[in-house]
Amino acid sequence: VSRETKTGGVPGGVSTALAMGVPNVPIIVWRCVEEVERRGLDIIGLYRLCGSATKKRILREAFERNARSVNLSPDNVPDINVITGVLKDYLRELPEPLFTKCLYQMMVDALAVCLPDDPQGNAKLMFSILDCLPKVNRCTLIYLLDHLAMVVSQCNKMSPASLAVCFGPVLMLHSEETGPSLDFQQPIAVLKYLLEIWPVKSVFWKNLKKGYNNTQ
């Protein structure tokens, strides 16, 4: 059963099996992030390793059967790298990257014209571009950036640059894109900049949750 068939899809390809109280974030993303934050933030080199391929396959199949009931406890999945690997694989294999192609290029262009003496203006420009993403993409991306900013804040030797190498291409390039012209440095540079200016548990996410809860 494909991920889109099991969970339902939206234009842009991000599935919408949502967790309770977490607006527009796929449940597999929410479950993996919550477990990493529960017991993995102090792991040296978090997200650099991907865990056993066999154990990742078993966990992916469990998510496809019923994402809400997957047992991610240390007893069932002792290696946190299996969970981080499944999360990265999910994001990598989306039909379209979380950053849509058009918005990704806008981010690249904006980064190229950032002014060294206007950090607030630069950040405002980048955030305004993020706000143009489709709703589910935007909410999921903000949720992930909050998580990655939290990872950076811990003692695990994962800097914005390190996490950008792990996640930049995953979030911005299509998994089927190949060839010598493919530039991995651009998505890495964009994500590194975003993580450097991103506060832990951003105001953006708090406002999204507040607006969501007010509609319930």
N, C-alpha and C. Protein backbone atom coordinates (compact mmCIF):
# COMPACT_ATOMS: atom_id res chain seq x y z
N VAL A 1 0.85 -1.19 0.00
CA VAL A 1 0.00 0.00 0.00
C VAL A 1 0.89 1.24 0.00
N SER A 2 0.64 2.13 -0.94
CA SER A 2 1.48 3.31 -1.03
C SER A 2 1.16 4.28 0.10
N ARG A 3 2.10 5.16 0.41
CA ARG A 3 1.90 6.14 1.48
C ARG A 3 0.71 7.04 1.14
N GLU A 4 0.58 7.48 -0.13
CA GLU A 4 -0.50 8.38 -0.50
C GLU A 4 -1.86 7.68 -0.41
N THR A 5 -1.92 6.38 -0.83
CA THR A 5 -3.17 5.64 -0.76
C THR A 5 -3.61 5.45 0.69
N LYS A 6 -2.66 5.16 1.55
CA LYS A 6 -2.97 4.86 2.94
C LYS A 6 -3.41 6.10 3.73
N THR A 7 -2.77 7.23 3.45
CA THR A 7 -2.99 8.39 4.31
C THR A 7 -3.74 9.52 3.62
N GLY A 8 -3.90 9.44 2.32
CA GLY A 8 -4.53 10.55 1.61
C GLY A 8 -3.49 11.58 1.22
N GLY A 9 -3.66 12.23 0.07
CA GLY A 9 -2.65 13.18 -0.39
C GLY A 9 -3.25 14.54 -0.66
N VAL A 10 -2.38 15.52 -0.85
CA VAL A 10 -2.80 16.86 -1.20
C VAL A 10 -1.92 17.32 -2.34
N PRO A 11 -2.32 18.36 -3.09
CA PRO A 11 -1.43 18.90 -4.11
C PRO A 11 -0.08 19.25 -3.51
N GLY A 12 0.98 18.79 -4.11
CA GLY A 12 2.31 18.98 -3.53
C GLY A 12 2.85 17.71 -2.93
N GLY A 13 1.97 16.76 -2.63
CA GLY A 13 2.43 15.43 -2.29
C GLY A 13 2.61 15.13 -0.82
N VAL A 14 2.38 16.09 0.10
CA VAL A 14 2.56 15.80 1.51
C VAL A 14 1.28 15.17 2.04
N SER A 15 1.40 13.97 2.60
CA SER A 15 0.20 13.28 3.08
C SER A 15 -0.41 13.99 4.27
N THR A 16 -1.71 13.78 4.49
CA THR A 16 -2.41 14.53 5.53
C THR A 16 -3.05 13.64 6.58
N ALA A 17 -2.39 12.56 6.96
CA ALA A 17 -2.82 11.79 8.13
C ALA A 17 -2.29 12.56 9.34
N LEU A 18 -3.18 13.27 10.01
CA LEU A 18 -2.74 14.25 11.00
C LEU A 18 -2.87 13.74 12.42
N ALA A 19 -1.96 14.21 13.26
CA ALA A 19 -2.03 13.90 14.68
C ALA A 19 -3.02 14.84 15.36
N MET A 20 -3.63 14.39 16.42
CA MET A 20 -4.59 15.22 17.15
C MET A 20 -3.88 16.46 17.72
N GLY A 21 -4.40 17.64 17.42
CA GLY A 21 -3.86 18.87 17.97
C GLY A 21 -2.62 19.36 17.26
N VAL A 22 -2.18 18.68 16.20
CA VAL A 22 -1.01 19.11 15.44
C VAL A 22 -1.49 19.45 14.03
N PRO A 23 -1.71 20.71 13.73
CA PRO A 23 -2.36 21.07 12.48
C PRO A 23 -1.52 20.81 11.25
N ASN A 24 -2.08 20.04 10.32
CA ASN A 24 -1.50 19.88 8.98
C ASN A 24 -0.09 19.32 8.97
N VAL A 25 0.23 18.44 9.89
CA VAL A 25 1.52 17.76 9.90
C VAL A 25 1.27 16.25 9.79
N PRO A 26 1.88 15.58 8.82
CA PRO A 26 1.68 14.13 8.69
C PRO A 26 2.04 13.41 9.98
N ILE A 27 1.24 12.42 10.34
CA ILE A 27 1.43 11.77 11.63
C ILE A 27 2.78 11.07 11.72
N ILE A 28 3.31 10.55 10.61
CA ILE A 28 4.62 9.89 10.66
C ILE A 28 5.70 10.89 11.05
N VAL A 29 5.58 12.13 10.56
CA VAL A 29 6.55 13.18 10.92
C VAL A 29 6.41 13.51 12.40
N TRP A 30 5.17 13.71 12.84
CA TRP A 30 4.93 14.04 14.26
C TRP A 30 5.43 12.94 15.18
N ARG A 31 5.11 11.68 14.87
CA ARG A 31 5.50 10.57 15.74
C ARG A 31 7.02 10.46 15.84
N CYS A 32 7.70 10.55 14.71
CA CYS A 32 9.17 10.42 14.71
C CYS A 32 9.82 11.57 15.46
N VAL A 33 9.37 12.79 15.20
CA VAL A 33 9.95 13.96 15.86
C VAL A 33 9.73 13.89 17.37
N GLU A 34 8.51 13.53 17.79
CA GLU A 34 8.22 13.45 19.21
C GLU A 34 9.12 12.43 19.91
N GLU A 35 9.36 11.30 19.26
CA GLU A 35 10.20 10.27 19.88
C GLU A 35 11.66 10.70 19.93
N VAL A 36 12.13 11.36 18.88
CA VAL A 36 13.51 11.87 18.89
C VAL A 36 13.69 12.89 20.01
N GLU A 37 12.72 13.79 20.16
CA GLU A 37 12.82 14.80 21.21
C GLU A 37 12.69 14.19 22.60
N ARG A 38 12.01 13.06 22.68
CA ARG A 38 11.84 12.39 23.97
C ARG A 38 13.13 11.73 24.44
N ARG A 39 13.92 11.16 23.52
CA ARG A 39 15.07 10.38 23.99
C ARG A 39 16.32 10.44 23.11
N GLY A 40 16.34 11.34 22.13
CA GLY A 40 17.48 11.32 21.22
C GLY A 40 18.26 12.60 21.06
N LEU A 41 17.84 13.68 21.73
CA LEU A 41 18.46 14.97 21.48
C LEU A 41 19.92 15.04 21.90
N ASP A 42 20.32 14.21 22.83
CA ASP A 42 21.71 14.25 23.30
C ASP A 42 22.60 13.23 22.58
N ILE A 43 22.08 12.57 21.56
CA ILE A 43 22.87 11.58 20.81
C ILE A 43 23.88 12.30 19.92
N ILE A 44 25.14 11.98 20.08
CA ILE A 44 26.18 12.62 19.27
C ILE A 44 25.98 12.25 17.79
N GLY A 45 25.97 13.28 16.95
CA GLY A 45 25.82 13.03 15.52
C GLY A 45 24.42 12.65 15.10
N LEU A 46 23.41 13.06 15.88
CA LEU A 46 22.01 12.75 15.56
C LEU A 46 21.70 13.15 14.12
N TYR A 47 21.04 12.25 13.39
CA TYR A 47 20.62 12.40 11.99
C TYR A 47 21.73 12.13 10.98
N ARG A 48 22.97 11.94 11.44
CA ARG A 48 24.02 11.59 10.48
C ARG A 48 23.94 10.13 10.06
N LEU A 49 23.54 9.26 10.99
CA LEU A 49 23.42 7.83 10.69
C LEU A 49 21.96 7.50 10.41
N CYS A 50 21.74 6.42 9.66
CA CYS A 50 20.36 6.10 9.26
C CYS A 50 19.86 4.78 9.83
N GLY A 51 20.68 4.04 10.56
CA GLY A 51 20.21 2.80 11.18
C GLY A 51 20.15 1.63 10.22
N SER A 52 19.78 0.48 10.74
CA SER A 52 19.69 -0.75 9.97
C SER A 52 18.62 -0.66 8.89
N ALA A 53 18.99 -1.04 7.66
CA ALA A 53 18.02 -1.01 6.55
C ALA A 53 16.86 -1.96 6.81
N THR A 54 17.14 -3.12 7.39
CA THR A 54 16.09 -4.10 7.67
C THR A 54 15.12 -3.56 8.71
N LYS A 55 15.65 -2.97 9.78
CA LYS A 55 14.79 -2.44 10.84
C LYS A 55 14.00 -1.22 10.35
N LYS A 56 14.61 -0.43 9.47
CA LYS A 56 13.87 0.68 8.89
C LYS A 56 12.70 0.17 8.05
N ARG A 57 12.92 -0.87 7.27
CA ARG A 57 11.86 -1.43 6.44
C ARG A 57 10.71 -1.93 7.31
N ILE A 58 11.04 -2.61 8.39
CA ILE A 58 10.00 -3.12 9.31
C ILE A 58 9.19 -1.97 9.91
N LEU A 59 9.89 -0.90 10.30
CA LEU A 59 9.21 0.24 10.90
C LEU A 59 8.35 0.97 9.87
N ARG A 60 8.85 1.10 8.66
CA ARG A 60 8.06 1.74 7.60
C ARG A 60 6.78 0.96 7.32
N GLU A 61 6.89 -0.35 7.29
CA GLU A 61 5.71 -1.19 7.05
C GLU A 61 4.70 -1.03 8.19
N ALA A 62 5.20 -0.89 9.41
CA ALA A 62 4.30 -0.67 10.55
C ALA A 62 3.58 0.66 10.42
N PHE A 63 4.29 1.70 9.98
CA PHE A 63 3.65 3.00 9.77
C PHE A 63 2.60 2.92 8.67
N GLU A 64 2.86 2.16 7.63
CA GLU A 64 1.91 2.05 6.53
C GLU A 64 0.64 1.31 6.97
N ARG A 65 0.79 0.36 7.90
CA ARG A 65 -0.38 -0.38 8.39
C ARG A 65 -1.25 0.50 9.27
N ASN A 66 -0.64 1.18 10.22
CA ASN A 66 -1.40 2.05 11.13
C ASN A 66 -0.43 3.01 11.81
N ALA A 67 -0.31 4.20 11.26
CA ALA A 67 0.70 5.14 11.75
C ALA A 67 0.47 5.56 13.19
N ARG A 68 -0.79 5.58 13.61
CA ARG A 68 -1.10 6.05 14.96
C ARG A 68 -0.71 5.06 16.05
N SER A 69 -0.66 3.78 15.72
CA SER A 69 -0.43 2.76 16.75
C SER A 69 0.99 2.18 16.75
N VAL A 70 1.87 2.71 15.92
CA VAL A 70 3.24 2.19 15.86
C VAL A 70 3.92 2.36 17.22
N ASN A 71 4.56 1.30 17.68
CA ASN A 71 5.27 1.32 18.95
C ASN A 71 6.71 1.80 18.72
N LEU A 72 7.00 3.03 19.15
CA LEU A 72 8.34 3.60 18.97
C LEU A 72 9.14 3.59 20.27
N SER A 73 8.71 2.84 21.25
CA SER A 73 9.38 2.81 22.55
C SER A 73 10.80 2.25 22.42
N PRO A 74 11.68 2.58 23.37
CA PRO A 74 13.04 2.04 23.34
C PRO A 74 13.08 0.52 23.33
N ASP A 75 12.10 -0.12 23.95
CA ASP A 75 12.06 -1.59 23.94
C ASP A 75 11.81 -2.14 22.54
N ASN A 76 10.98 -1.44 21.77
CA ASN A 76 10.64 -1.93 20.44
C ASN A 76 11.59 -1.41 19.37
N VAL A 77 12.04 -0.16 19.51
CA VAL A 77 12.99 0.44 18.55
C VAL A 77 14.13 1.05 19.37
N PRO A 78 15.08 0.22 19.80
CA PRO A 78 16.14 0.73 20.67
C PRO A 78 17.08 1.73 20.00
N ASP A 79 17.27 1.59 18.67
CA ASP A 79 18.20 2.46 17.95
C ASP A 79 17.47 3.68 17.42
N ILE A 80 17.73 4.85 17.98
CA ILE A 80 17.06 6.07 17.54
C ILE A 80 17.37 6.38 16.09
N ASN A 81 18.51 5.88 15.58
CA ASN A 81 18.88 6.13 14.19
C ASN A 81 17.92 5.47 13.20
N VAL A 82 17.23 4.43 13.64
CA VAL A 82 16.21 3.81 12.78
C VAL A 82 15.05 4.78 12.59
N ILE A 83 14.66 5.45 13.66
CA ILE A 83 13.56 6.41 13.60
C ILE A 83 13.95 7.63 12.78
N THR A 84 15.14 8.16 13.01
CA THR A 84 15.58 9.32 12.22
C THR A 84 15.74 8.95 10.75
N GLY A 85 16.17 7.71 10.49
CA GLY A 85 16.31 7.26 9.12
C GLY A 85 14.98 7.15 8.40
N VAL A 86 13.96 6.65 9.09
CA VAL A 86 12.62 6.54 8.51
C VAL A 86 12.06 7.94 8.21
N LEU A 87 12.29 8.87 9.12
CA LEU A 87 11.82 10.24 8.90
C LEU A 87 12.48 10.83 7.66
N LYS A 88 13.79 10.71 7.54
CA LYS A 88 14.48 11.27 6.37
C LYS A 88 14.04 10.58 5.08
N ASP A 89 13.86 9.27 5.14
CA ASP A 89 13.40 8.54 3.95
C ASP A 89 12.01 9.02 3.52
N TYR A 90 11.12 9.21 4.46
CA TYR A 90 9.77 9.69 4.15
C TYR A 90 9.83 11.03 3.43
N LEU A 91 10.61 11.96 3.97
CA LEU A 91 10.71 13.29 3.38
C LEU A 91 11.39 13.23 2.01
N ARG A 92 12.40 12.37 1.88
CA ARG A 92 13.13 12.25 0.62
C ARG A 92 12.26 11.69 -0.50
N GLU A 93 11.33 10.81 -0.14
CA GLU A 93 10.56 10.08 -1.15
C GLU A 93 9.19 10.69 -1.45
N LEU A 94 8.92 11.87 -0.89
CA LEU A 94 7.67 12.54 -1.24
C LEU A 94 7.61 12.79 -2.74
N PRO A 95 6.42 12.73 -3.34
CA PRO A 95 6.32 12.98 -4.79
C PRO A 95 6.88 14.33 -5.20
N GLU A 96 6.79 15.30 -4.32
CA GLU A 96 7.39 16.62 -4.53
C GLU A 96 8.05 17.03 -3.23
N PRO A 97 9.24 17.66 -3.29
CA PRO A 97 9.91 18.06 -2.04
C PRO A 97 9.04 18.99 -1.20
N LEU A 98 9.31 19.04 0.09
CA LEU A 98 8.56 19.90 0.99
C LEU A 98 8.67 21.36 0.53
N PHE A 99 9.87 21.79 0.13
CA PHE A 99 10.03 23.07 -0.55
C PHE A 99 9.64 22.84 -2.01
N THR A 100 8.55 23.44 -2.47
CA THR A 100 8.19 23.28 -3.87
C THR A 100 9.29 23.88 -4.75
N LYS A 101 9.37 23.43 -5.98
CA LYS A 101 10.47 23.84 -6.86
C LYS A 101 10.54 25.35 -7.02
N CYS A 102 9.39 25.97 -7.22
CA CYS A 102 9.35 27.43 -7.42
C CYS A 102 9.79 28.17 -6.16
N LEU A 103 9.27 27.75 -5.01
CA LEU A 103 9.61 28.44 -3.76
C LEU A 103 11.07 28.18 -3.37
N TYR A 104 11.57 27.00 -3.68
CA TYR A 104 12.99 26.72 -3.41
C TYR A 104 13.86 27.69 -4.20
N GLN A 105 13.55 27.89 -5.48
CA GLN A 105 14.36 28.81 -6.29
C GLN A 105 14.27 30.23 -5.76
N MET A 106 13.09 30.60 -5.26
CA MET A 106 12.95 31.93 -4.66
C MET A 106 13.84 32.07 -3.43
N MET A 107 13.94 31.00 -2.64
CA MET A 107 14.80 31.04 -1.46
C MET A 107 16.27 31.18 -1.85
N VAL A 108 16.66 30.45 -2.88
CA VAL A 108 18.04 30.54 -3.38
C VAL A 108 18.34 31.96 -3.84
N ASP A 109 17.42 32.52 -4.61
CA ASP A 109 17.62 33.88 -5.13
C ASP A 109 17.65 34.90 -3.99
N ALA A 110 16.79 34.73 -3.00
CA ALA A 110 16.75 35.66 -1.88
C ALA A 110 18.04 35.59 -1.06
N LEU A 111 18.55 34.39 -0.87
CA LEU A 111 19.79 34.24 -0.11
C LEU A 111 20.94 34.94 -0.82
N ALA A 112 20.90 34.93 -2.15
CA ALA A 112 21.98 35.53 -2.93
C ALA A 112 22.00 37.06 -2.81
N VAL A 113 20.86 37.67 -2.46
CA VAL A 113 20.81 39.13 -2.37
C VAL A 113 20.72 39.62 -0.93
N CYS A 114 20.91 38.73 0.05
CA CYS A 114 20.89 39.15 1.44
C CYS A 114 21.98 40.18 1.70
N LEU A 115 21.64 41.20 2.48
CA LEU A 115 22.57 42.28 2.79
C LEU A 115 23.23 42.04 4.15
N PRO A 116 24.56 42.11 4.22
CA PRO A 116 25.25 41.82 5.49
C PRO A 116 24.89 42.78 6.62
N ASP A 117 24.44 44.00 6.27
CA ASP A 117 24.13 44.99 7.31
C ASP A 117 22.64 45.09 7.62
N ASP A 118 21.85 44.11 7.14
CA ASP A 118 20.41 44.14 7.39
C ASP A 118 19.89 42.74 7.73
N PRO A 119 20.35 42.17 8.84
CA PRO A 119 19.92 40.80 9.18
C PRO A 119 18.42 40.67 9.39
N GLN A 120 17.78 41.69 9.97
CA GLN A 120 16.34 41.62 10.18
C GLN A 120 15.58 41.64 8.86
N GLY A 121 16.03 42.47 7.94
CA GLY A 121 15.40 42.53 6.62
C GLY A 121 15.58 41.23 5.85
N ASN A 122 16.77 40.64 5.99
CA ASN A 122 17.03 39.36 5.32
C ASN A 122 16.10 38.27 5.85
N ALA A 123 15.98 38.22 7.18
CA ALA A 123 15.13 37.20 7.78
C ALA A 123 13.67 37.40 7.38
N LYS A 124 13.23 38.65 7.36
CA LYS A 124 11.84 38.95 6.98
C LYS A 124 11.56 38.48 5.56
N LEU A 125 12.52 38.69 4.67
CA LEU A 125 12.37 38.26 3.27
C LEU A 125 12.23 36.75 3.20
N MET A 126 13.10 36.03 3.89
CA MET A 126 13.07 34.56 3.84
C MET A 126 11.78 34.02 4.44
N PHE A 127 11.34 34.60 5.55
CA PHE A 127 10.10 34.13 6.18
C PHE A 127 8.89 34.42 5.31
N SER A 128 8.92 35.54 4.58
CA SER A 128 7.79 35.87 3.71
C SER A 128 7.68 34.86 2.57
N ILE A 129 8.81 34.33 2.12
CA ILE A 129 8.78 33.30 1.07
C ILE A 129 8.22 32.00 1.63
N LEU A 130 8.65 31.62 2.83
CA LEU A 130 8.10 30.41 3.47
C LEU A 130 6.59 30.50 3.59
N ASP A 131 6.10 31.69 3.84
CA ASP A 131 4.67 31.87 4.04
C ASP A 131 3.87 31.62 2.75
N CYS A 132 4.55 31.58 1.61
CA CYS A 132 3.89 31.34 0.32
C CYS A 132 3.75 29.85 -0.01
N LEU A 133 4.34 28.99 0.80
CA LEU A 133 4.22 27.55 0.55
C LEU A 133 2.78 27.10 0.72
N PRO A 134 2.39 26.00 0.06
CA PRO A 134 1.07 25.41 0.33
C PRO A 134 0.94 25.12 1.82
N LYS A 135 -0.29 25.17 2.34
CA LYS A 135 -0.52 25.13 3.78
C LYS A 135 0.13 23.94 4.47
N VAL A 136 -0.10 22.74 3.95
CA VAL A 136 0.44 21.55 4.61
C VAL A 136 1.96 21.55 4.54
N ASN A 137 2.51 21.92 3.40
CA ASN A 137 3.97 22.02 3.28
C ASN A 137 4.52 23.00 4.29
N ARG A 138 3.87 24.18 4.39
CA ARG A 138 4.35 25.23 5.29
C ARG A 138 4.29 24.78 6.75
N CYS A 139 3.16 24.20 7.15
CA CYS A 139 3.03 23.76 8.55
C CYS A 139 4.02 22.66 8.90
N THR A 140 4.20 21.73 7.97
CA THR A 140 5.15 20.64 8.21
C THR A 140 6.58 21.17 8.28
N LEU A 141 6.90 22.10 7.39
CA LEU A 141 8.25 22.65 7.38
C LEU A 141 8.54 23.44 8.66
N ILE A 142 7.59 24.24 9.11
CA ILE A 142 7.77 25.00 10.35
C ILE A 142 7.96 24.04 11.53
N TYR A 143 7.17 22.99 11.55
CA TYR A 143 7.30 21.98 12.61
C TYR A 143 8.69 21.35 12.60
N LEU A 144 9.19 21.03 11.41
CA LEU A 144 10.52 20.43 11.30
C LEU A 144 11.62 21.42 11.67
N LEU A 145 11.47 22.68 11.25
CA LEU A 145 12.49 23.67 11.58
C LEU A 145 12.54 23.93 13.08
N ASP A 146 11.38 23.94 13.73
CA ASP A 146 11.36 24.04 15.19
C ASP A 146 12.14 22.88 15.81
N HIS A 147 11.91 21.69 15.28
CA HIS A 147 12.59 20.50 15.79
C HIS A 147 14.10 20.59 15.56
N LEU A 148 14.50 20.95 14.36
CA LEU A 148 15.92 21.01 14.05
C LEU A 148 16.62 22.11 14.85
N ALA A 149 15.92 23.22 15.10
CA ALA A 149 16.49 24.26 15.95
C ALA A 149 16.70 23.74 17.36
N MET A 150 15.79 22.91 17.84
CA MET A 150 15.95 22.30 19.16
C MET A 150 17.15 21.35 19.16
N VAL A 151 17.32 20.59 18.08
CA VAL A 151 18.48 19.69 17.97
C VAL A 151 19.77 20.49 18.06
N VAL A 152 19.83 21.61 17.35
CA VAL A 152 21.03 22.45 17.35
C VAL A 152 21.33 22.96 18.76
N SER A 153 20.30 23.21 19.55
CA SER A 153 20.49 23.81 20.88
C SER A 153 21.03 22.82 21.92
N GLN A 154 21.11 21.53 21.57
CA GLN A 154 21.55 20.51 22.51
C GLN A 154 23.04 20.19 22.32
N CYS A 155 23.60 19.44 23.27
CA CYS A 155 25.01 19.05 23.21
C CYS A 155 25.15 17.73 22.46
N ASN A 156 25.07 17.80 21.14
CA ASN A 156 25.15 16.59 20.32
C ASN A 156 26.07 16.74 19.11
N LYS A 157 26.81 17.86 19.07
CA LYS A 157 27.75 18.14 17.98
C LYS A 157 27.06 18.28 16.62
N MET A 158 25.79 18.68 16.65
CA MET A 158 25.07 18.93 15.40
C MET A 158 24.80 20.43 15.27
N SER A 159 25.58 21.08 14.45
CA SER A 159 25.45 22.52 14.20
C SER A 159 24.46 22.76 13.07
N PRO A 160 24.07 24.02 12.83
CA PRO A 160 23.23 24.30 11.66
C PRO A 160 23.84 23.78 10.36
N ALA A 161 25.16 23.90 10.23
CA ALA A 161 25.81 23.41 9.02
C ALA A 161 25.69 21.89 8.90
N SER A 162 25.86 21.19 10.02
CA SER A 162 25.78 19.72 9.99
C SER A 162 24.38 19.24 9.63
N LEU A 163 23.37 19.85 10.25
CA LEU A 163 22.00 19.45 9.96
C LEU A 163 21.58 19.85 8.55
N ALA A 164 22.13 20.96 8.06
CA ALA A 164 21.81 21.39 6.69
C ALA A 164 22.31 20.38 5.67
N VAL A 165 23.46 19.77 5.94
CA VAL A 165 23.97 18.72 5.05
C VAL A 165 23.03 17.52 5.06
N CYS A 166 22.50 17.18 6.24
CA CYS A 166 21.60 16.02 6.36
C CYS A 166 20.23 16.27 5.74
N PHE A 167 19.72 17.51 5.87
CA PHE A 167 18.33 17.78 5.51
C PHE A 167 18.13 18.69 4.30
N GLY A 168 19.11 19.51 3.95
CA GLY A 168 18.92 20.45 2.85
C GLY A 168 18.47 19.77 1.56
N PRO A 169 19.25 18.83 1.03
CA PRO A 169 18.83 18.14 -0.20
C PRO A 169 17.53 17.36 -0.02
N VAL A 170 17.31 16.79 1.17
CA VAL A 170 16.11 16.00 1.43
C VAL A 170 14.85 16.87 1.32
N LEU A 171 14.92 18.09 1.81
CA LEU A 171 13.75 18.97 1.85
C LEU A 171 13.54 19.75 0.57
N MET A 172 14.59 19.88 -0.26
CA MET A 172 14.50 20.82 -1.38
C MET A 172 14.73 20.21 -2.76
N LEU A 173 15.31 19.02 -2.84
CA LEU A 173 15.58 18.42 -4.13
C LEU A 173 14.76 17.15 -4.30
N HIS A 174 14.28 16.91 -5.52
CA HIS A 174 13.52 15.69 -5.78
C HIS A 174 14.44 14.49 -5.75
N SER A 175 13.98 13.39 -5.16
CA SER A 175 14.83 12.20 -5.00
C SER A 175 15.25 11.60 -6.32
N GLU A 176 14.51 11.89 -7.40
CA GLU A 176 14.84 11.31 -8.70
C GLU A 176 15.74 12.22 -9.53
N GLU A 177 16.03 13.40 -9.02
CA GLU A 177 16.91 14.31 -9.75
C GLU A 177 18.35 13.81 -9.66
N THR A 178 18.99 13.71 -10.79
CA THR A 178 20.39 13.26 -10.83
C THR A 178 21.14 14.09 -11.86
N GLY A 179 22.43 13.83 -11.96
CA GLY A 179 23.22 14.47 -12.99
C GLY A 179 24.26 15.40 -12.41
N PRO A 180 25.30 15.70 -13.23
CA PRO A 180 26.40 16.53 -12.74
C PRO A 180 25.99 17.97 -12.45
N SER A 181 24.85 18.42 -13.01
CA SER A 181 24.43 19.80 -12.81
C SER A 181 23.69 20.00 -11.48
N LEU A 182 23.39 18.91 -10.79
CA LEU A 182 22.66 19.01 -9.53
C LEU A 182 23.55 19.63 -8.46
N ASP A 183 23.10 20.73 -7.88
CA ASP A 183 23.91 21.49 -6.93
C ASP A 183 23.39 21.25 -5.51
N PHE A 184 24.13 20.47 -4.73
CA PHE A 184 23.73 20.20 -3.35
C PHE A 184 24.07 21.37 -2.43
N GLN A 185 24.98 22.23 -2.85
CA GLN A 185 25.41 23.31 -1.97
C GLN A 185 24.33 24.36 -1.77
N GLN A 186 23.48 24.57 -2.77
CA GLN A 186 22.44 25.57 -2.63
C GLN A 186 21.41 25.21 -1.56
N PRO A 187 20.82 24.00 -1.59
CA PRO A 187 19.88 23.67 -0.52
C PRO A 187 20.53 23.62 0.85
N ILE A 188 21.79 23.21 0.90
CA ILE A 188 22.51 23.20 2.18
C ILE A 188 22.66 24.62 2.71
N ALA A 189 23.02 25.55 1.83
CA ALA A 189 23.21 26.95 2.23
C ALA A 189 21.89 27.57 2.70
N VAL A 190 20.80 27.27 2.00
CA VAL A 190 19.49 27.82 2.38
C VAL A 190 19.07 27.32 3.76
N LEU A 191 19.17 26.00 3.98
CA LEU A 191 18.74 25.45 5.26
C LEU A 191 19.66 25.91 6.40
N LYS A 192 20.94 26.00 6.14
CA LYS A 192 21.88 26.48 7.16
C LYS A 192 21.49 27.89 7.60
N TYR A 193 21.17 28.74 6.65
CA TYR A 193 20.77 30.11 6.99
C TYR A 193 19.48 30.11 7.81
N LEU A 194 18.50 29.32 7.38
CA LEU A 194 17.23 29.28 8.11
C LEU A 194 17.43 28.81 9.55
N LEU A 195 18.28 27.80 9.74
CA LEU A 195 18.51 27.29 11.10
C LEU A 195 19.27 28.30 11.96
N GLU A 196 20.11 29.11 11.32
CA GLU A 196 20.85 30.13 12.07
C GLU A 196 19.95 31.25 12.57
N ILE A 197 18.85 31.51 11.88
CA ILE A 197 17.97 32.60 12.29
C ILE A 197 16.69 32.10 12.95
N TRP A 198 16.53 30.78 13.04
CA TRP A 198 15.27 30.20 13.53
C TRP A 198 15.29 30.04 15.05
N PRO A 199 14.31 30.61 15.77
CA PRO A 199 14.26 30.44 17.23
C PRO A 199 13.70 29.07 17.59
N VAL A 200 14.09 28.56 18.75
CA VAL A 200 13.53 27.30 19.23
C VAL A 200 12.05 27.51 19.52
N LYS A 201 11.20 26.56 19.03
CA LYS A 201 9.75 26.66 19.18
C LYS A 201 9.25 28.02 18.72
N SER A 202 9.27 28.21 17.43
CA SER A 202 9.03 29.51 16.81
C SER A 202 7.65 30.08 17.10
N VAL A 203 7.58 31.38 17.02
CA VAL A 203 6.31 32.09 17.15
C VAL A 203 5.36 31.66 16.04
N PHE A 204 5.92 31.37 14.85
CA PHE A 204 5.08 30.94 13.74
C PHE A 204 4.27 29.72 14.12
N TRP A 205 4.94 28.73 14.72
CA TRP A 205 4.25 27.49 15.07
C TRP A 205 3.23 27.71 16.18
N LYS A 206 3.58 28.53 17.17
CA LYS A 206 2.64 28.82 18.25
C LYS A 206 1.38 29.47 17.70
N ASN A 207 1.54 30.40 16.75
CA ASN A 207 0.39 31.07 16.16
C ASN A 207 -0.45 30.11 15.34
N LEU A 208 0.21 29.20 14.62
CA LEU A 208 -0.52 28.21 13.85
C LEU A 208 -1.36 27.32 14.77
N LYS A 209 -0.77 26.87 15.88
CA LYS A 209 -1.48 26.01 16.81
C LYS A 209 -2.64 26.77 17.47
N LYS A 210 -2.38 28.04 17.80
CA LYS A 210 -3.43 28.84 18.42
C LYS A 210 -4.62 29.00 17.48
N GLY A 211 -4.32 29.30 16.20
CA GLY A 211 -5.38 29.45 15.23
C GLY A 211 -6.13 28.16 15.00
N TYR A 212 -5.40 27.05 15.00
CA TYR A 212 -6.03 25.73 14.80
C TYR A 212 -6.95 25.40 15.96
N ASN A 213 -6.47 25.61 17.18
CA ASN A 213 -7.27 25.26 18.36
C ASN A 213 -8.52 26.13 18.47
N ASN A 214 -8.41 27.38 18.01
CA ASN A 214 -9.55 28.28 18.09
C ASN A 214 -10.68 27.89 17.13
N THR A 215 -10.34 27.05 16.14
CA THR A 215 -11.36 26.61 15.18
C THR A 215 -12.03 25.33 15.61
N GLN A 216 -11.51 24.71 16.70
CA GLN A 216 -12.07 23.42 17.13
C GLN A 216 -13.36 23.58 17.92
